[in-house]
Amino acid sequence: MASPVFRNVIGRAFSLGLWKDLGL
């Protein structure tokens, strides 16, 4: 089970990736 901090970092990186894909 991933630690909350690790999941938070992955979540933020994933969100940033989505924003870049959307061109925002």
PDB file of N, CA and C in Angstrom:
ATOM      1  N   MET A   1       0.851  -1.203   0.000  1.00  0.00           N
ATOM      2  CA  MET A   1       0.000   0.000   0.000  1.00  0.00           C
ATOM      3  C   MET A   1       0.889   1.257   0.000  1.00  0.00           C
ATOM      4  N   ALA A   2       0.653   2.125  -0.964  1.00  0.00           N
ATOM      5  CA  ALA A   2       1.467   3.348  -1.077  1.00  0.00           C
ATOM      6  C   ALA A   2       1.138   4.314   0.056  1.00  0.00           C
ATOM      7  N   SER A   3       2.161   5.033   0.487  1.00  0.00           N
ATOM      8  CA  SER A   3       1.958   6.004   1.570  1.00  0.00           C
ATOM      9  C   SER A   3       1.191   7.215   1.044  1.00  0.00           C
ATOM     10  N   PRO A   4       0.440   7.915   1.908  1.00  0.00           N
ATOM     11  CA  PRO A   4      -0.334   9.102   1.502  1.00  0.00           C
ATOM     12  C   PRO A   4       0.528  10.121   0.771  1.00  0.00           C
ATOM     13  N   VAL A   5       1.750  10.331   1.256  1.00  0.00           N
ATOM     14  CA  VAL A   5       2.629  11.324   0.625  1.00  0.00           C
ATOM     15  C   VAL A   5       2.967  10.898  -0.795  1.00  0.00           C
ATOM     16  N   PHE A   6       3.298   9.615  -0.964  1.00  0.00           N
ATOM     17  CA  PHE A   6       3.651   9.101  -2.289  1.00  0.00           C
ATOM     18  C   PHE A   6       2.471   9.257  -3.239  1.00  0.00           C
ATOM     19  N   ARG A   7       1.276   8.895  -2.771  1.00  0.00           N
ATOM     20  CA  ARG A   7       0.077   9.008  -3.605  1.00  0.00           C
ATOM     21  C   ARG A   7      -0.189  10.466  -3.950  1.00  0.00           C
ATOM     22  N   ASN A   8       0.066  11.368  -2.995  1.00  0.00           N
ATOM     23  CA  ASN A   8      -0.164  12.797  -3.230  1.00  0.00           C
ATOM     24  C   ASN A   8       0.744  13.281  -4.349  1.00  0.00           C
ATOM     25  N   VAL A   9       2.016  12.882  -4.305  1.00  0.00           N
ATOM     26  CA  VAL A   9       2.976  13.302  -5.336  1.00  0.00           C
ATOM     27  C   VAL A   9       2.553  12.764  -6.698  1.00  0.00           C
ATOM     28  N   ILE A  10       2.182  11.489  -6.740  1.00  0.00           N
ATOM     29  CA  ILE A  10       1.753  10.885  -8.007  1.00  0.00           C
ATOM     30  C   ILE A  10       0.495  11.578  -8.509  1.00  0.00           C
ATOM     31  N   GLY A  11      -0.427  11.855  -7.613  1.00  0.00           N
ATOM     32  CA  GLY A  11      -1.672  12.525  -7.996  1.00  0.00           C
ATOM     33  C   GLY A  11      -1.406  13.901  -8.584  1.00  0.00           C
ATOM     34  N   ARG A  12      -0.492  14.645  -7.967  1.00  0.00           N
ATOM     35  CA  ARG A  12      -0.188  16.001  -8.451  1.00  0.00           C
ATOM     36  C   ARG A  12       0.479  15.917  -9.816  1.00  0.00           C
ATOM     37  N   ALA A  13       1.414  14.982  -9.978  1.00  0.00           N
ATOM     38  CA  ALA A  13       2.121  14.821 -11.256  1.00  0.00           C
ATOM     39  C   ALA A  13       1.108  14.437 -12.338  1.00  0.00           C
ATOM     40  N   PHE A  14       0.173  13.526 -12.000  1.00  0.00           N
ATOM     41  CA  PHE A  14      -0.849  13.088 -12.949  1.00  0.00           C
ATOM     42  C   PHE A  14      -1.742  14.261 -13.336  1.00  0.00           C
ATOM     43  N   SER A  15      -2.141  15.069 -12.351  1.00  0.00           N
ATOM     44  CA  SER A  15      -2.999  16.229 -12.610  1.00  0.00           C
ATOM     45  C   SER A  15      -2.284  17.220 -13.519  1.00  0.00           C
ATOM     46  N   LEU A  16      -0.986  17.461 -13.242  1.00  0.00           N
ATOM     47  CA  LEU A  16      -0.215  18.391 -14.075  1.00  0.00           C
ATOM     48  C   LEU A  16      -0.153  17.860 -15.497  1.00  0.00           C
ATOM     49  N   GLY A  17      -0.001  16.550 -15.646  1.00  0.00           N
ATOM     50  CA  GLY A  17       0.061  15.938 -16.975  1.00  0.00           C
ATOM     51  C   GLY A  17      -1.250  16.163 -17.717  1.00  0.00           C
ATOM     52  N   LEU A  18      -2.379  16.027 -17.004  1.00  0.00           N
ATOM     53  CA  LEU A  18      -3.681  16.235 -17.633  1.00  0.00           C
ATOM     54  C   LEU A  18      -3.822  17.672 -18.095  1.00  0.00           C
ATOM     55  N   TRP A  19      -3.414  18.624 -17.242  1.00  0.00           N
ATOM     56  CA  TRP A  19      -3.524  20.040 -17.604  1.00  0.00           C
ATOM     57  C   TRP A  19      -2.695  20.331 -18.841  1.00  0.00           C
ATOM     58  N   LYS A  20      -1.486  19.733 -18.932  1.00  0.00           N
ATOM     59  CA  LYS A  20      -0.621  19.966 -20.096  1.00  0.00           C
ATOM     60  C   LYS A  20      -1.287  19.390 -21.343  1.00  0.00           C
ATOM     61  N   ASP A  21      -1.905  18.222 -21.213  1.00  0.00           N
ATOM     62  CA  ASP A  21      -2.578  17.595 -22.354  1.00  0.00           C
ATOM     63  C   ASP A  21      -3.754  18.452 -22.819  1.00  0.00           C
ATOM     64  N   LEU A  22      -4.423  19.114 -21.856  1.00  0.00           N
ATOM     65  CA  LEU A  22      -5.579  19.939 -22.204  1.00  0.00           C
ATOM     66  C   LEU A  22      -5.155  21.301 -22.740  1.00  0.00           C
ATOM     67  N   GLY A  23      -3.872  21.613 -22.603  1.00  0.00           N
ATOM     68  CA  GLY A  23      -3.385  22.896 -23.108  1.00  0.00           C
ATOM     69  C   GLY A  23      -3.715  24.039 -22.163  1.00  0.00           C
ATOM     70  N   LEU A  24      -4.041  23.701 -20.897  1.00  0.00           N
ATOM     71  CA  LEU A  24      -4.341  24.751 -19.928  1.00  0.00           C
ATOM     72  C   LEU A  24      -3.092  24.982 -19.088  1.00  0.00           C
TER      73      LEU A  24
END
